[in-house]
PDB file of N, CA and C in Angstrom:
ATOM      1  N   MET A   1       0.850  -1.169   0.000  1.00  0.00           N
ATOM      2  CA  MET A   1       0.000   0.000   0.000  1.00  0.00           C
ATOM      3  C   MET A   1       0.901   1.241   0.000  1.00  0.00           C
ATOM      4  N   SER A   2       0.523   2.215  -0.785  1.00  0.00           N
ATOM      5  CA  SER A   2       1.330   3.434  -0.832  1.00  0.00           C
ATOM      6  C   SER A   2       1.102   4.265   0.431  1.00  0.00           C
ATOM      7  N   HIS A   3       2.088   5.044   0.761  1.00  0.00           N
ATOM      8  CA  HIS A   3       1.979   5.921   1.932  1.00  0.00           C
ATOM      9  C   HIS A   3       0.832   6.906   1.759  1.00  0.00           C
ATOM     10  N   ASP A   4       0.687   7.451   0.558  1.00  0.00           N
ATOM     11  CA  ASP A   4      -0.382   8.424   0.311  1.00  0.00           C
ATOM     12  C   ASP A   4      -1.760   7.797   0.490  1.00  0.00           C
ATOM     13  N   LYS A   5      -1.931   6.574   0.005  1.00  0.00           N
ATOM     14  CA  LYS A   5      -3.215   5.870   0.140  1.00  0.00           C
ATOM     15  C   LYS A   5      -3.523   5.607   1.613  1.00  0.00           C
ATOM     16  N   LEU A   6      -2.533   5.158   2.366  1.00  0.00           N
ATOM     17  CA  LEU A   6      -2.716   4.889   3.789  1.00  0.00           C
ATOM     18  C   LEU A   6      -3.087   6.161   4.542  1.00  0.00           C
ATOM     19  N   LYS A   7      -2.390   7.235   4.267  1.00  0.00           N
ATOM     20  CA  LYS A   7      -2.699   8.519   4.911  1.00  0.00           C
ATOM     21  C   LYS A   7      -4.123   8.952   4.606  1.00  0.00           C
ATOM     22  N   GLU A   8      -4.509   8.858   3.333  1.00  0.00           N
ATOM     23  CA  GLU A   8      -5.850   9.286   2.922  1.00  0.00           C
ATOM     24  C   GLU A   8      -6.923   8.489   3.654  1.00  0.00           C
ATOM     25  N   ILE A   9      -6.748   7.178   3.725  1.00  0.00           N
ATOM     26  CA  ILE A   9      -7.728   6.320   4.398  1.00  0.00           C
ATOM     27  C   ILE A   9      -7.849   6.695   5.868  1.00  0.00           C
ATOM     28  N   LEU A  10      -6.720   6.818   6.551  1.00  0.00           N
ATOM     29  CA  LEU A  10      -6.760   7.091   7.988  1.00  0.00           C
ATOM     30  C   LEU A  10      -7.294   8.486   8.300  1.00  0.00           C
ATOM     31  N   ILE A  11      -6.899   9.467   7.522  1.00  0.00           N
ATOM     32  CA  ILE A  11      -7.397  10.833   7.750  1.00  0.00           C
ATOM     33  C   ILE A  11      -8.916  10.871   7.569  1.00  0.00           C
ATOM     34  N   ARG A  12      -9.393  10.248   6.523  1.00  0.00           N
ATOM     35  CA  ARG A  12     -10.829  10.273   6.230  1.00  0.00           C
ATOM     36  C   ARG A  12     -11.627   9.426   7.217  1.00  0.00           C
ATOM     37  N   ARG A  13     -11.211   8.199   7.433  1.00  0.00           N
ATOM     38  CA  ARG A  13     -11.979   7.274   8.276  1.00  0.00           C
ATOM     39  C   ARG A  13     -11.939   7.655   9.756  1.00  0.00           C
ATOM     40  N   LEU A  14     -10.797   8.137  10.230  1.00  0.00           N
ATOM     41  CA  LEU A  14     -10.658   8.472  11.649  1.00  0.00           C
ATOM     42  C   LEU A  14     -10.859   9.955  11.928  1.00  0.00           C
ATOM     43  N   ARG A  15     -11.035  10.734  10.860  1.00  0.00           N
ATOM     44  CA  ARG A  15     -11.175  12.184  11.003  1.00  0.00           C
ATOM     45  C   ARG A  15     -10.032  12.747  11.863  1.00  0.00           C
ATOM     46  N   LEU A  16      -8.824  12.392  11.476  1.00  0.00           N
ATOM     47  CA  LEU A  16      -7.645  12.788  12.251  1.00  0.00           C
ATOM     48  C   LEU A  16      -7.467  14.292  12.282  1.00  0.00           C
ATOM     49  N   LYS A  17      -7.197  14.804  13.460  1.00  0.00           N
ATOM     50  CA  LYS A  17      -6.934  16.229  13.650  1.00  0.00           C
ATOM     51  C   LYS A  17      -5.430  16.460  13.597  1.00  0.00           C
ATOM     52  N   GLU A  18      -5.006  17.330  12.710  1.00  0.00           N
ATOM     53  CA  GLU A  18      -3.601  17.704  12.567  1.00  0.00           C
ATOM     54  C   GLU A  18      -2.660  16.494  12.605  1.00  0.00           C
ATOM     55  N   PRO A  19      -2.865  15.539  11.697  1.00  0.00           N
ATOM     56  CA  PRO A  19      -2.041  14.327  11.738  1.00  0.00           C
ATOM     57  C   PRO A  19      -0.621  14.561  11.242  1.00  0.00           C
ATOM     58  N   HIS A  20       0.290  13.814  11.850  1.00  0.00           N
ATOM     59  CA  HIS A  20       1.690  13.773  11.424  1.00  0.00           C
ATOM     60  C   HIS A  20       2.046  12.306  11.254  1.00  0.00           C
ATOM     61  N   PHE A  21       2.531  11.963  10.074  1.00  0.00           N
ATOM     62  CA  PHE A  21       2.864  10.579   9.759  1.00  0.00           C
ATOM     63  C   PHE A  21       4.371  10.435   9.618  1.00  0.00           C
ATOM     64  N   ARG A  22       4.901   9.351  10.143  1.00  0.00           N
ATOM     65  CA  ARG A  22       6.283   8.942   9.907  1.00  0.00           C
ATOM     66  C   ARG A  22       6.207   7.507   9.403  1.00  0.00           C
ATOM     67  N   LEU A  23       6.233   7.348   8.092  1.00  0.00           N
ATOM     68  CA  LEU A  23       6.014   6.046   7.474  1.00  0.00           C
ATOM     69  C   LEU A  23       7.245   5.592   6.719  1.00  0.00           C
ATOM     70  N   GLU A  24       7.426   4.272   6.668  1.00  0.00           N
ATOM     71  CA  GLU A  24       8.526   3.701   5.897  1.00  0.00           C
ATOM     72  C   GLU A  24       8.101   2.346   5.367  1.00  0.00           C
ATOM     73  N   GLY A  25       8.805   1.887   4.381  1.00  0.00           N
ATOM     74  CA  GLY A  25       8.538   0.579   3.804  1.00  0.00           C
ATOM     75  C   GLY A  25       7.631   0.649   2.592  1.00  0.00           C
ATOM     76  N   ARG A  26       7.662  -0.430   1.840  1.00  0.00           N
ATOM     77  CA  ARG A  26       6.793  -0.606   0.679  1.00  0.00           C
ATOM     78  C   ARG A  26       6.087  -1.935   0.864  1.00  0.00           C
ATOM     79  N   GLY A  27       4.889  -2.025   0.368  1.00  0.00           N
ATOM     80  CA  GLY A  27       4.111  -3.237   0.625  1.00  0.00           C
ATOM     81  C   GLY A  27       3.565  -3.163   2.032  1.00  0.00           C
ATOM     82  N   ARG A  28       4.295  -3.714   2.981  1.00  0.00           N
ATOM     83  CA  ARG A  28       3.925  -3.581   4.399  1.00  0.00           C
ATOM     84  C   ARG A  28       4.545  -2.286   4.913  1.00  0.00           C
ATOM     85  N   VAL A  29       3.694  -1.373   5.299  1.00  0.00           N
ATOM     86  CA  VAL A  29       4.122  -0.057   5.761  1.00  0.00           C
ATOM     87  C   VAL A  29       4.216  -0.077   7.281  1.00  0.00           C
ATOM     88  N   SER A  30       5.263   0.524   7.812  1.00  0.00           N
ATOM     89  CA  SER A  30       5.377   0.659   9.261  1.00  0.00           C
ATOM     90  C   SER A  30       5.664   2.114   9.574  1.00  0.00           C
ATOM     91  N   GLY A  31       5.466   2.477  10.824  1.00  0.00           N
ATOM     92  CA  GLY A  31       5.735   3.840  11.229  1.00  0.00           C
ATOM     93  C   GLY A  31       4.831   4.270  12.353  1.00  0.00           C
ATOM     94  N   SER A  32       4.614   5.565  12.452  1.00  0.00           N
ATOM     95  CA  SER A  32       3.775   6.100  13.524  1.00  0.00           C
ATOM     96  C   SER A  32       2.863   7.190  12.983  1.00  0.00           C
ATOM     97  N   VAL A  33       1.766   7.374  13.708  1.00  0.00           N
ATOM     98  CA  VAL A  33       0.791   8.408  13.393  1.00  0.00           C
ATOM     99  C   VAL A  33       0.584   9.210  14.666  1.00  0.00           C
ATOM    100  N   VAL A  34       0.781  10.515  14.577  1.00  0.00           N
ATOM    101  CA  VAL A  34       0.576  11.406  15.726  1.00  0.00           C
ATOM    102  C   VAL A  34      -0.612  12.300  15.404  1.00  0.00           C
ATOM    103  N   SER A  35      -1.602  12.317  16.303  1.00  0.00           N
ATOM    104  CA  SER A  35      -2.783  13.147  16.093  1.00  0.00           C
ATOM    105  C   SER A  35      -3.466  13.418  17.420  1.00  0.00           C
ATOM    106  N   ALA A  36      -4.015  14.616  17.553  1.00  0.00           N
ATOM    107  CA  ALA A  36      -4.795  14.959  18.746  1.00  0.00           C
ATOM    108  C   ALA A  36      -6.018  14.048  18.879  1.00  0.00           C
ATOM    109  N   THR A  37      -6.440  13.441  17.793  1.00  0.00           N
ATOM    110  CA  THR A  37      -7.569  12.525  17.809  1.00  0.00           C
ATOM    111  C   THR A  37      -7.324  11.359  18.767  1.00  0.00           C
ATOM    112  N   PHE A  38      -6.079  10.980  18.967  1.00  0.00           N
ATOM    113  CA  PHE A  38      -5.738   9.855  19.831  1.00  0.00           C
ATOM    114  C   PHE A  38      -5.561  10.245  21.296  1.00  0.00           C
ATOM    115  N   ALA A  39      -5.639  11.524  21.614  1.00  0.00           N
ATOM    116  CA  ALA A  39      -5.423  11.985  22.991  1.00  0.00           C
ATOM    117  C   ALA A  39      -6.379  11.303  23.954  1.00  0.00           C
ATOM    118  N   GLY A  40      -5.852  10.838  25.075  1.00  0.00           N
ATOM    119  CA  GLY A  40      -6.659  10.226  26.112  1.00  0.00           C
ATOM    120  C   GLY A  40      -7.021   8.775  25.865  1.00  0.00           C
ATOM    121  N   LYS A  41      -6.563   8.213  24.766  1.00  0.00           N
ATOM    122  CA  LYS A  41      -6.862   6.821  24.453  1.00  0.00           C
ATOM    123  C   LYS A  41      -5.629   5.962  24.755  1.00  0.00           C
ATOM    124  N   GLY A  42      -5.860   4.761  25.218  1.00  0.00           N
ATOM    125  CA  GLY A  42      -4.767   3.829  25.491  1.00  0.00           C
ATOM    126  C   GLY A  42      -4.162   3.290  24.207  1.00  0.00           C
ATOM    127  N   ASP A  43      -2.989   2.686  24.332  1.00  0.00           N
ATOM    128  CA  ASP A  43      -2.287   2.146  23.168  1.00  0.00           C
ATOM    129  C   ASP A  43      -3.149   1.160  22.380  1.00  0.00           C
ATOM    130  N   SER A  44      -3.775   0.231  23.071  1.00  0.00           N
ATOM    131  CA  SER A  44      -4.560  -0.784  22.363  1.00  0.00           C
ATOM    132  C   SER A  44      -5.777  -0.164  21.681  1.00  0.00           C
ATOM    133  N   ASP A  45      -6.391   0.848  22.292  1.00  0.00           N
ATOM    134  CA  ASP A  45      -7.530   1.525  21.670  1.00  0.00           C
ATOM    135  C   ASP A  45      -7.110   2.255  20.403  1.00  0.00           C
ATOM    136  N   ARG A  46      -5.975   2.922  20.452  1.00  0.00           N
ATOM    137  CA  ARG A  46      -5.487   3.643  19.264  1.00  0.00           C
ATOM    138  C   ARG A  46      -5.164   2.673  18.138  1.00  0.00           C
ATOM    139  N   GLN A  47      -4.499   1.568  18.476  1.00  0.00           N
ATOM    140  CA  GLN A  47      -4.156   0.576  17.463  1.00  0.00           C
ATOM    141  C   GLN A  47      -5.423  -0.020  16.857  1.00  0.00           C
ATOM    142  N   ARG A  48      -6.405  -0.314  17.683  1.00  0.00           N
ATOM    143  CA  ARG A  48      -7.661  -0.888  17.207  1.00  0.00           C
ATOM    144  C   ARG A  48      -8.377   0.081  16.271  1.00  0.00           C
ATOM    145  N   MET A  49      -8.322   1.371  16.576  1.00  0.00           N
ATOM    146  CA  MET A  49      -8.943   2.366  15.703  1.00  0.00           C
ATOM    147  C   MET A  49      -8.351   2.293  14.291  1.00  0.00           C
ATOM    148  N   ILE A  50      -7.037   2.198  14.222  1.00  0.00           N
ATOM    149  CA  ILE A  50      -6.354   2.129  12.927  1.00  0.00           C
ATOM    150  C   ILE A  50      -6.731   0.840  12.210  1.00  0.00           C
ATOM    151  N   TRP A  51      -6.642  -0.294  12.905  1.00  0.00           N
ATOM    152  CA  TRP A  51      -6.965  -1.571  12.279  1.00  0.00           C
ATOM    153  C   TRP A  51      -8.404  -1.606  11.801  1.00  0.00           C
ATOM    154  N   ASP A  52      -9.333  -1.100  12.613  1.00  0.00           N
ATOM    155  CA  ASP A  52     -10.743  -1.093  12.214  1.00  0.00           C
ATOM    156  C   ASP A  52     -10.962  -0.236  10.974  1.00  0.00           C
ATOM    157  N   ALA A  53     -10.302   0.917  10.920  1.00  0.00           N
ATOM    158  CA  ALA A  53     -10.443   1.795   9.755  1.00  0.00           C
ATOM    159  C   ALA A  53      -9.933   1.098   8.493  1.00  0.00           C
ATOM    160  N   LEU A  54      -8.803   0.406   8.598  1.00  0.00           N
ATOM    161  CA  LEU A  54      -8.259  -0.302   7.439  1.00  0.00           C
ATOM    162  C   LEU A  54      -9.151  -1.470   7.037  1.00  0.00           C
ATOM    163  N   ASP A  55      -9.649  -2.226   8.019  1.00  0.00           N
ATOM    164  CA  ASP A  55     -10.544  -3.352   7.711  1.00  0.00           C
ATOM    165  C   ASP A  55     -11.825  -2.868   7.044  1.00  0.00           C
ATOM    166  N   GLU A  56     -12.386  -1.766   7.518  1.00  0.00           N
ATOM    167  CA  GLU A  56     -13.611  -1.229   6.932  1.00  0.00           C
ATOM    168  C   GLU A  56     -13.388  -0.773   5.494  1.00  0.00           C
ATOM    169  N   GLU A  57     -12.246  -0.200   5.242  1.00  0.00           N
ATOM    170  CA  GLU A  57     -11.939   0.334   3.916  1.00  0.00           C
ATOM    171  C   GLU A  57     -11.499  -0.752   2.935  1.00  0.00           C
ATOM    172  N   LEU A  58     -10.649  -1.657   3.406  1.00  0.00           N
ATOM    173  CA  LEU A  58      -9.977  -2.595   2.509  1.00  0.00           C
ATOM    174  C   LEU A  58     -10.348  -4.053   2.721  1.00  0.00           C
ATOM    175  N   GLY A  59     -11.164  -4.333   3.725  1.00  0.00           N
ATOM    176  CA  GLY A  59     -11.546  -5.706   4.024  1.00  0.00           C
ATOM    177  C   GLY A  59     -10.724  -6.285   5.152  1.00  0.00           C
ATOM    178  N   GLU A  60     -11.293  -7.319   5.766  1.00  0.00           N
ATOM    179  CA  GLU A  60     -10.616  -7.944   6.902  1.00  0.00           C
ATOM    180  C   GLU A  60      -9.257  -8.474   6.502  1.00  0.00           C
ATOM    181  N   GLY A  61      -8.335  -8.390   7.404  1.00  0.00           N
ATOM    182  CA  GLY A  61      -6.987  -8.851   7.138  1.00  0.00           C
ATOM    183  C   GLY A  61      -6.076  -7.763   6.610  1.00  0.00           C
ATOM    184  N   SER A  62      -6.635  -6.623   6.264  1.00  0.00           N
ATOM    185  CA  SER A  62      -5.818  -5.541   5.707  1.00  0.00           C
ATOM    186  C   SER A  62      -4.871  -4.968   6.752  1.00  0.00           C
ATOM    187  N   ARG A  63      -5.163  -5.194   8.001  1.00  0.00           N
ATOM    188  CA  ARG A  63      -4.300  -4.669   9.076  1.00  0.00           C
ATOM    189  C   ARG A  63      -2.881  -5.194   8.966  1.00  0.00           C
ATOM    190  N   HIS A  64      -2.710  -6.314   8.285  1.00  0.00           N
ATOM    191  CA  HIS A  64      -1.371  -6.877   8.135  1.00  0.00           C
ATOM    192  C   HIS A  64      -0.523  -6.082   7.138  1.00  0.00           C
ATOM    193  N   ALA A  65      -1.161  -5.166   6.423  1.00  0.00           N
ATOM    194  CA  ALA A  65      -0.436  -4.330   5.464  1.00  0.00           C
ATOM    195  C   ALA A  65       0.239  -3.146   6.140  1.00  0.00           C
ATOM    196  N   ALA A  66      -0.133  -2.898   7.395  1.00  0.00           N
ATOM    197  CA  ALA A  66       0.418  -1.730   8.075  1.00  0.00           C
ATOM    198  C   ALA A  66       0.731  -2.064   9.518  1.00  0.00           C
ATOM    199  N   GLY A  67       1.912  -1.698   9.956  1.00  0.00           N
ATOM    200  CA  GLY A  67       2.294  -1.826  11.365  1.00  0.00           C
ATOM    201  C   GLY A  67       2.533  -0.434  11.890  1.00  0.00           C
ATOM    202  N   LEU A  68       1.461   0.238  12.292  1.00  0.00           N
ATOM    203  CA  LEU A  68       1.549   1.638  12.696  1.00  0.00           C
ATOM    204  C   LEU A  68       1.402   1.773  14.201  1.00  0.00           C
ATOM    205  N   TYR A  69       2.030   2.780  14.722  1.00  0.00           N
ATOM    206  CA  TYR A  69       1.994   3.059  16.150  1.00  0.00           C
ATOM    207  C   TYR A  69       1.398   4.431  16.356  1.00  0.00           C
ATOM    208  N   PRO A  70       0.117   4.513  16.748  1.00  0.00           N
ATOM    209  CA  PRO A  70      -0.542   5.807  16.940  1.00  0.00           C
ATOM    210  C   PRO A  70      -0.116   6.445  18.247  1.00  0.00           C
ATOM    211  N   ARG A  71      -0.011   7.767  18.224  1.00  0.00           N
ATOM    212  CA  ARG A  71       0.358   8.526  19.440  1.00  0.00           C
ATOM    213  C   ARG A  71      -0.502   9.756  19.541  1.00  0.00           C
TER     214      ARG A  71
END
């Protein structure tokens, strides 16, 4: 998945406020996402938000295409 496609999906699906992405890799993308949208949420809740957004957009199992760490 391209970095631009991943950013577009997450910004739209999660309505991210002032997101900052640090992404690397091709195919399987890894990195971090920083957004005020994640404030006050635990690590597992933030990760689940990302995985759910990807599954809703791309189908179940799509979470394996991205290893992101929301902050």
